[in-house]
Amino acid sequence: MDATVLSDRAEIRKFMPEWIDLYSRAGNNLFQNPQWHRIWWDTIGQGEGWRPHVVAGHVGGRLQAVAPLAVRRARGL
């Protein structure tokens, strides 16, 4: 598996169709929904200083796994 970390919003926007395709293949759980993550980052996340860090795992060039993470600097850390 090849893993890539996406932290730039433009990169993530370009990645969304591929993530949506994986979501449609894997099931319809709210917390796996890429649109839910995009809305959170654009509202609460961005407003509170969070930055997205999406880990994308590809096998043979096809997306197989996504770990949507976010980081925020707090008290200097």
PDB file of N, CA and C in Angstrom:
ATOM      1  N   MET A   1       0.854  -1.174   0.000  1.00  0.00           N
ATOM      2  CA  MET A   1       0.000   0.000   0.000  1.00  0.00           C
ATOM      3  C   MET A   1       0.897   1.234   0.000  1.00  0.00           C
ATOM      4  N   ASP A   2       0.581   2.170  -0.873  1.00  0.00           N
ATOM      5  CA  ASP A   2       1.266   3.456  -0.918  1.00  0.00           C
ATOM      6  C   ASP A   2       0.419   4.466  -0.153  1.00  0.00           C
ATOM      7  N   ALA A   3       1.017   5.108   0.835  1.00  0.00           N
ATOM      8  CA  ALA A   3       0.289   6.088   1.638  1.00  0.00           C
ATOM      9  C   ALA A   3       0.765   7.499   1.315  1.00  0.00           C
ATOM     10  N   THR A   4      -0.189   8.416   1.245  1.00  0.00           N
ATOM     11  CA  THR A   4       0.084   9.819   0.982  1.00  0.00           C
ATOM     12  C   THR A   4      -0.670  10.651   2.003  1.00  0.00           C
ATOM     13  N   VAL A   5      -0.034  11.699   2.520  1.00  0.00           N
ATOM     14  CA  VAL A   5      -0.696  12.614   3.434  1.00  0.00           C
ATOM     15  C   VAL A   5      -1.051  13.882   2.666  1.00  0.00           C
ATOM     16  N   LEU A   6      -2.322  14.238   2.697  1.00  0.00           N
ATOM     17  CA  LEU A   6      -2.815  15.451   2.049  1.00  0.00           C
ATOM     18  C   LEU A   6      -3.179  16.458   3.134  1.00  0.00           C
ATOM     19  N   SER A   7      -2.579  17.631   3.089  1.00  0.00           N
ATOM     20  CA  SER A   7      -2.891  18.643   4.100  1.00  0.00           C
ATOM     21  C   SER A   7      -3.262  19.984   3.474  1.00  0.00           C
ATOM     22  N   ASP A   8      -3.103  20.096   2.183  1.00  0.00           N
ATOM     23  CA  ASP A   8      -3.462  21.315   1.474  1.00  0.00           C
ATOM     24  C   ASP A   8      -4.915  21.215   1.022  1.00  0.00           C
ATOM     25  N   ARG A   9      -5.698  22.254   1.283  1.00  0.00           N
ATOM     26  CA  ARG A   9      -7.127  22.208   0.941  1.00  0.00           C
ATOM     27  C   ARG A   9      -7.359  21.985  -0.547  1.00  0.00           C
ATOM     28  N   ALA A  10      -6.527  22.559  -1.401  1.00  0.00           N
ATOM     29  CA  ALA A  10      -6.687  22.364  -2.851  1.00  0.00           C
ATOM     30  C   ALA A  10      -6.441  20.899  -3.223  1.00  0.00           C
ATOM     31  N   GLU A  11      -5.439  20.280  -2.603  1.00  0.00           N
ATOM     32  CA  GLU A  11      -5.167  18.861  -2.845  1.00  0.00           C
ATOM     33  C   GLU A  11      -6.363  18.009  -2.426  1.00  0.00           C
ATOM     34  N   ILE A  12      -6.920  18.340  -1.277  1.00  0.00           N
ATOM     35  CA  ILE A  12      -8.044  17.565  -0.756  1.00  0.00           C
ATOM     36  C   ILE A  12      -9.267  17.740  -1.648  1.00  0.00           C
ATOM     37  N   ARG A  13      -9.503  18.949  -2.151  1.00  0.00           N
ATOM     38  CA  ARG A  13     -10.632  19.172  -3.072  1.00  0.00           C
ATOM     39  C   ARG A  13     -10.474  18.317  -4.326  1.00  0.00           C
ATOM     40  N   LYS A  14      -9.261  18.230  -4.863  1.00  0.00           N
ATOM     41  CA  LYS A  14      -9.021  17.397  -6.042  1.00  0.00           C
ATOM     42  C   LYS A  14      -9.198  15.911  -5.724  1.00  0.00           C
ATOM     43  N   PHE A  15      -8.925  15.522  -4.480  1.00  0.00           N
ATOM     44  CA  PHE A  15      -8.999  14.135  -4.032  1.00  0.00           C
ATOM     45  C   PHE A  15     -10.433  13.696  -3.727  1.00  0.00           C
ATOM     46  N   MET A  16     -11.335  14.646  -3.474  1.00  0.00           N
ATOM     47  CA  MET A  16     -12.699  14.332  -3.029  1.00  0.00           C
ATOM     48  C   MET A  16     -13.446  13.352  -3.944  1.00  0.00           C
ATOM     49  N   PRO A  17     -13.433  13.480  -5.273  1.00  0.00           N
ATOM     50  CA  PRO A  17     -14.166  12.506  -6.093  1.00  0.00           C
ATOM     51  C   PRO A  17     -13.695  11.063  -5.885  1.00  0.00           C
ATOM     52  N   GLU A  18     -12.399  10.884  -5.729  1.00  0.00           N
ATOM     53  CA  GLU A  18     -11.856   9.548  -5.479  1.00  0.00           C
ATOM     54  C   GLU A  18     -12.314   9.033  -4.113  1.00  0.00           C
ATOM     55  N   TRP A  19     -12.329   9.916  -3.116  1.00  0.00           N
ATOM     56  CA  TRP A  19     -12.768   9.549  -1.768  1.00  0.00           C
ATOM     57  C   TRP A  19     -14.264   9.225  -1.783  1.00  0.00           C
ATOM     58  N   ILE A  20     -15.049  10.014  -2.492  1.00  0.00           N
ATOM     59  CA  ILE A  20     -16.489   9.765  -2.592  1.00  0.00           C
ATOM     60  C   ILE A  20     -16.743   8.408  -3.251  1.00  0.00           C
ATOM     61  N   ASP A  21     -15.953   8.068  -4.267  1.00  0.00           N
ATOM     62  CA  ASP A  21     -16.084   6.766  -4.914  1.00  0.00           C
ATOM     63  C   ASP A  21     -15.811   5.637  -3.923  1.00  0.00           C
ATOM     64  N   LEU A  22     -14.748   5.755  -3.127  1.00  0.00           N
ATOM     65  CA  LEU A  22     -14.455   4.738  -2.114  1.00  0.00           C
ATOM     66  C   LEU A  22     -15.599   4.655  -1.110  1.00  0.00           C
ATOM     67  N   TYR A  23     -16.101   5.787  -0.681  1.00  0.00           N
ATOM     68  CA  TYR A  23     -17.216   5.824   0.270  1.00  0.00           C
ATOM     69  C   TYR A  23     -18.428   5.077  -0.287  1.00  0.00           C
ATOM     70  N   SER A  24     -18.740   5.274  -1.547  1.00  0.00           N
ATOM     71  CA  SER A  24     -19.899   4.606  -2.145  1.00  0.00           C
ATOM     72  C   SER A  24     -19.674   3.096  -2.257  1.00  0.00           C
ATOM     73  N   ARG A  25     -18.425   2.670  -2.410  1.00  0.00           N
ATOM     74  CA  ARG A  25     -18.116   1.236  -2.473  1.00  0.00           C
ATOM     75  C   ARG A  25     -18.109   0.595  -1.092  1.00  0.00           C
ATOM     76  N   ALA A  26     -17.769   1.371  -0.053  1.00  0.00           N
ATOM     77  CA  ALA A  26     -17.521   0.799   1.272  1.00  0.00           C
ATOM     78  C   ALA A  26     -18.731   0.839   2.200  1.00  0.00           C
ATOM     79  N   GLY A  27     -19.724   1.632   1.919  1.00  0.00           N
ATOM     80  CA  GLY A  27     -20.876   1.726   2.801  1.00  0.00           C
ATOM     81  C   GLY A  27     -21.224   3.163   3.086  1.00  0.00           C
ATOM     82  N   ASN A  28     -22.288   3.357   3.780  1.00  0.00           N
ATOM     83  CA  ASN A  28     -22.797   4.713   4.002  1.00  0.00           C
ATOM     84  C   ASN A  28     -22.869   5.054   5.481  1.00  0.00           C
ATOM     85  N   ASN A  29     -21.736   5.111   6.129  1.00  0.00           N
ATOM     86  CA  ASN A  29     -21.664   5.516   7.521  1.00  0.00           C
ATOM     87  C   ASN A  29     -21.384   7.022   7.554  1.00  0.00           C
ATOM     88  N   LEU A  30     -22.152   7.769   8.316  1.00  0.00           N
ATOM     89  CA  LEU A  30     -22.003   9.223   8.370  1.00  0.00           C
ATOM     90  C   LEU A  30     -20.565   9.649   8.619  1.00  0.00           C
ATOM     91  N   PHE A  31     -19.880   9.004   9.536  1.00  0.00           N
ATOM     92  CA  PHE A  31     -18.547   9.446   9.913  1.00  0.00           C
ATOM     93  C   PHE A  31     -17.477   9.049   8.897  1.00  0.00           C
ATOM     94  N   GLN A  32     -17.841   8.284   7.885  1.00  0.00           N
ATOM     95  CA  GLN A  32     -16.938   7.970   6.783  1.00  0.00           C
ATOM     96  C   GLN A  32     -17.229   8.848   5.568  1.00  0.00           C
ATOM     97  N   ASN A  33     -18.283   9.620   5.637  1.00  0.00           N
ATOM     98  CA  ASN A  33     -18.725  10.432   4.505  1.00  0.00           C
ATOM     99  C   ASN A  33     -17.755  11.588   4.259  1.00  0.00           C
ATOM    100  N   PRO A  34     -17.125  11.649   3.095  1.00  0.00           N
ATOM    101  CA  PRO A  34     -16.170  12.724   2.812  1.00  0.00           C
ATOM    102  C   PRO A  34     -16.809  14.115   2.838  1.00  0.00           C
ATOM    103  N   GLN A  35     -18.080  14.214   2.476  1.00  0.00           N
ATOM    104  CA  GLN A  35     -18.752  15.514   2.511  1.00  0.00           C
ATOM    105  C   GLN A  35     -18.910  16.011   3.947  1.00  0.00           C
ATOM    106  N   TRP A  36     -19.151  15.097   4.874  1.00  0.00           N
ATOM    107  CA  TRP A  36     -19.263  15.465   6.289  1.00  0.00           C
ATOM    108  C   TRP A  36     -17.939  16.048   6.776  1.00  0.00           C
ATOM    109  N   HIS A  37     -16.834  15.406   6.402  1.00  0.00           N
ATOM    110  CA  HIS A  37     -15.518  15.897   6.805  1.00  0.00           C
ATOM    111  C   HIS A  37     -15.228  17.268   6.188  1.00  0.00           C
ATOM    112  N   ARG A  38     -15.565  17.437   4.913  1.00  0.00           N
ATOM    113  CA  ARG A  38     -15.346  18.724   4.246  1.00  0.00           C
ATOM    114  C   ARG A  38     -16.134  19.830   4.951  1.00  0.00           C
ATOM    115  N   ILE A  39     -17.384  19.567   5.297  1.00  0.00           N
ATOM    116  CA  ILE A  39     -18.216  20.568   5.984  1.00  0.00           C
ATOM    117  C   ILE A  39     -17.629  20.883   7.356  1.00  0.00           C
ATOM    118  N   TRP A  40     -17.188  19.869   8.097  1.00  0.00           N
ATOM    119  CA  TRP A  40     -16.594  20.103   9.416  1.00  0.00           C
ATOM    120  C   TRP A  40     -15.356  20.983   9.301  1.00  0.00           C
ATOM    121  N   TRP A  41     -14.451  20.643   8.330  1.00  0.00           N
ATOM    122  CA  TRP A  41     -13.222  21.426   8.168  1.00  0.00           C
ATOM    123  C   TRP A  41     -13.530  22.867   7.768  1.00  0.00           C
ATOM    124  N   ASP A  42     -14.528  23.057   6.906  1.00  0.00           N
ATOM    125  CA  ASP A  42     -14.856  24.401   6.418  1.00  0.00           C
ATOM    126  C   ASP A  42     -15.559  25.257   7.459  1.00  0.00           C
ATOM    127  N   THR A  43     -16.123  24.655   8.491  1.00  0.00           N
ATOM    128  CA  THR A  43     -16.857  25.417   9.508  1.00  0.00           C
ATOM    129  C   THR A  43     -16.145  25.340  10.856  1.00  0.00           C
ATOM    130  N   ILE A  44     -16.409  24.327  11.596  1.00  0.00           N
ATOM    131  CA  ILE A  44     -15.853  24.189  12.950  1.00  0.00           C
ATOM    132  C   ILE A  44     -14.333  24.062  12.927  1.00  0.00           C
ATOM    133  N   GLY A  45     -13.827  23.175  12.119  1.00  0.00           N
ATOM    134  CA  GLY A  45     -12.380  22.928  12.096  1.00  0.00           C
ATOM    135  C   GLY A  45     -11.571  24.161  11.790  1.00  0.00           C
ATOM    136  N   GLN A  46     -11.889  24.821  10.700  1.00  0.00           N
ATOM    137  CA  GLN A  46     -11.147  26.022  10.302  1.00  0.00           C
ATOM    138  C   GLN A  46     -11.328  27.138  11.324  1.00  0.00           C
ATOM    139  N   GLY A  47     -12.531  27.292  11.830  1.00  0.00           N
ATOM    140  CA  GLY A  47     -12.808  28.342  12.813  1.00  0.00           C
ATOM    141  C   GLY A  47     -12.048  28.172  14.113  1.00  0.00           C
ATOM    142  N   GLU A  48     -11.730  26.932  14.461  1.00  0.00           N
ATOM    143  CA  GLU A  48     -11.020  26.660  15.708  1.00  0.00           C
ATOM    144  C   GLU A  48      -9.532  26.366  15.485  1.00  0.00           C
ATOM    145  N   GLY A  49      -9.052  26.588  14.259  1.00  0.00           N
ATOM    146  CA  GLY A  49      -7.625  26.450  13.992  1.00  0.00           C
ATOM    147  C   GLY A  49      -7.139  25.058  13.642  1.00  0.00           C
ATOM    148  N   TRP A  50      -8.039  24.143  13.325  1.00  0.00           N
ATOM    149  CA  TRP A  50      -7.641  22.801  12.925  1.00  0.00           C
ATOM    150  C   TRP A  50      -7.195  22.811  11.476  1.00  0.00           C
ATOM    151  N   ARG A  51      -6.220  21.951  11.140  1.00  0.00           N
ATOM    152  CA  ARG A  51      -5.771  21.763   9.757  1.00  0.00           C
ATOM    153  C   ARG A  51      -6.000  20.303   9.379  1.00  0.00           C
ATOM    154  N   PRO A  52      -6.561  20.050   8.203  1.00  0.00           N
ATOM    155  CA  PRO A  52      -6.789  18.659   7.811  1.00  0.00           C
ATOM    156  C   PRO A  52      -5.490  17.959   7.431  1.00  0.00           C
ATOM    157  N   HIS A  53      -5.424  16.696   7.765  1.00  0.00           N
ATOM    158  CA  HIS A  53      -4.335  15.806   7.361  1.00  0.00           C
ATOM    159  C   HIS A  53      -4.994  14.485   6.985  1.00  0.00           C
ATOM    160  N   VAL A  54      -5.222  14.303   5.704  1.00  0.00           N
ATOM    161  CA  VAL A  54      -5.908  13.110   5.216  1.00  0.00           C
ATOM    162  C   VAL A  54      -4.863  12.125   4.708  1.00  0.00           C
ATOM    163  N   VAL A  55      -4.871  10.931   5.273  1.00  0.00           N
ATOM    164  CA  VAL A  55      -3.963   9.889   4.816  1.00  0.00           C
ATOM    165  C   VAL A  55      -4.730   9.021   3.821  1.00  0.00           C
ATOM    166  N   ALA A  56      -4.202   8.926   2.602  1.00  0.00           N
ATOM    167  CA  ALA A  56      -4.834   8.145   1.540  1.00  0.00           C
ATOM    168  C   ALA A  56      -3.963   6.946   1.216  1.00  0.00           C
ATOM    169  N   GLY A  57      -4.562   5.770   1.219  1.00  0.00           N
ATOM    170  CA  GLY A  57      -3.827   4.545   0.906  1.00  0.00           C
ATOM    171  C   GLY A  57      -4.288   3.956  -0.415  1.00  0.00           C
ATOM    172  N   HIS A  58      -3.359   3.821  -1.339  1.00  0.00           N
ATOM    173  CA  HIS A  58      -3.650   3.267  -2.661  1.00  0.00           C
ATOM    174  C   HIS A  58      -2.964   1.918  -2.834  1.00  0.00           C
ATOM    175  N   VAL A  59      -3.664   0.994  -3.455  1.00  0.00           N
ATOM    176  CA  VAL A  59      -3.096  -0.300  -3.843  1.00  0.00           C
ATOM    177  C   VAL A  59      -3.309  -0.429  -5.345  1.00  0.00           C
ATOM    178  N   GLY A  60      -2.223  -0.591  -6.070  1.00  0.00           N
ATOM    179  CA  GLY A  60      -2.322  -0.696  -7.512  1.00  0.00           C
ATOM    180  C   GLY A  60      -2.956   0.519  -8.160  1.00  0.00           C
ATOM    181  N   GLY A  61      -2.744   1.700  -7.560  1.00  0.00           N
ATOM    182  CA  GLY A  61      -3.284   2.927  -8.111  1.00  0.00           C
ATOM    183  C   GLY A  61      -4.735   3.196  -7.755  1.00  0.00           C
ATOM    184  N   ARG A  62      -5.372   2.300  -7.007  1.00  0.00           N
ATOM    185  CA  ARG A  62      -6.774   2.481  -6.626  1.00  0.00           C
ATOM    186  C   ARG A  62      -6.876   2.755  -5.134  1.00  0.00           C
ATOM    187  N   LEU A  63      -7.665   3.759  -4.772  1.00  0.00           N
ATOM    188  CA  LEU A  63      -7.841   4.125  -3.370  1.00  0.00           C
ATOM    189  C   LEU A  63      -8.500   2.992  -2.605  1.00  0.00           C
ATOM    190  N   GLN A  64      -7.881   2.586  -1.493  1.00  0.00           N
ATOM    191  CA  GLN A  64      -8.394   1.491  -0.676  1.00  0.00           C
ATOM    192  C   GLN A  64      -8.650   1.897   0.770  1.00  0.00           C
ATOM    193  N   ALA A  65      -8.032   2.996   1.218  1.00  0.00           N
ATOM    194  CA  ALA A  65      -8.188   3.396   2.618  1.00  0.00           C
ATOM    195  C   ALA A  65      -8.006   4.903   2.751  1.00  0.00           C
ATOM    196  N   VAL A  66      -8.760   5.483   3.691  1.00  0.00           N
ATOM    197  CA  VAL A  66      -8.639   6.906   3.999  1.00  0.00           C
ATOM    198  C   VAL A  66      -8.707   7.068   5.511  1.00  0.00           C
ATOM    199  N   ALA A  67      -7.795   7.864   6.053  1.00  0.00           N
ATOM    200  CA  ALA A  67      -7.828   8.219   7.467  1.00  0.00           C
ATOM    201  C   ALA A  67      -7.897   9.743   7.539  1.00  0.00           C
ATOM    202  N   PRO A  68      -9.106  10.289   7.755  1.00  0.00           N
ATOM    203  CA  PRO A  68      -9.251  11.737   7.829  1.00  0.00           C
ATOM    204  C   PRO A  68      -8.881  12.237   9.225  1.00  0.00           C
ATOM    205  N   LEU A  69      -7.752  12.893   9.326  1.00  0.00           N
ATOM    206  CA  LEU A  69      -7.254  13.393  10.598  1.00  0.00           C
ATOM    207  C   LEU A  69      -7.195  14.912  10.553  1.00  0.00           C
ATOM    208  N   ALA A  70      -7.048  15.521  11.707  1.00  0.00           N
ATOM    209  CA  ALA A  70      -6.886  16.969  11.790  1.00  0.00           C
ATOM    210  C   ALA A  70      -5.942  17.279  12.939  1.00  0.00           C
ATOM    211  N   VAL A  71      -5.146  18.325  12.788  1.00  0.00           N
ATOM    212  CA  VAL A  71      -4.215  18.731  13.835  1.00  0.00           C
ATOM    213  C   VAL A  71      -4.430  20.198  14.167  1.00  0.00           C
ATOM    214  N   ARG A  72      -4.121  20.531  15.405  1.00  0.00           N
ATOM    215  CA  ARG A  72      -4.247  21.911  15.856  1.00  0.00           C
ATOM    216  C   ARG A  72      -3.160  22.195  16.874  1.00  0.00           C
ATOM    217  N   ARG A  73      -2.563  23.348  16.756  1.00  0.00           N
ATOM    218  CA  ARG A  73      -1.538  23.778  17.702  1.00  0.00           C
ATOM    219  C   ARG A  73      -2.259  24.275  18.960  1.00  0.00           C
ATOM    220  N   ALA A  74      -1.842  23.754  20.102  1.00  0.00           N
ATOM    221  CA  ALA A  74      -2.438  24.145  21.368  1.00  0.00           C
ATOM    222  C   ALA A  74      -1.332  24.336  22.394  1.00  0.00           C
ATOM    223  N   ARG A  75      -1.328  25.460  23.053  1.00  0.00           N
ATOM    224  CA  ARG A  75      -0.335  25.782  24.090  1.00  0.00           C
ATOM    225  C   ARG A  75       1.088  25.584  23.590  1.00  0.00           C
ATOM    226  N   GLY A  76       1.339  25.968  22.343  1.00  0.00           N
ATOM    227  CA  GLY A  76       2.664  25.889  21.790  1.00  0.00           C
ATOM    228  C   GLY A  76       3.079  24.534  21.254  1.00  0.00           C
ATOM    229  N   LEU A  77       2.217  23.542  21.390  1.00  0.00           N
ATOM    230  CA  LEU A  77       2.545  22.188  20.896  1.00  0.00           C
ATOM    231  C   LEU A  77       1.755  21.869  19.655  1.00  0.00           C
TER     232      LEU A  77
END
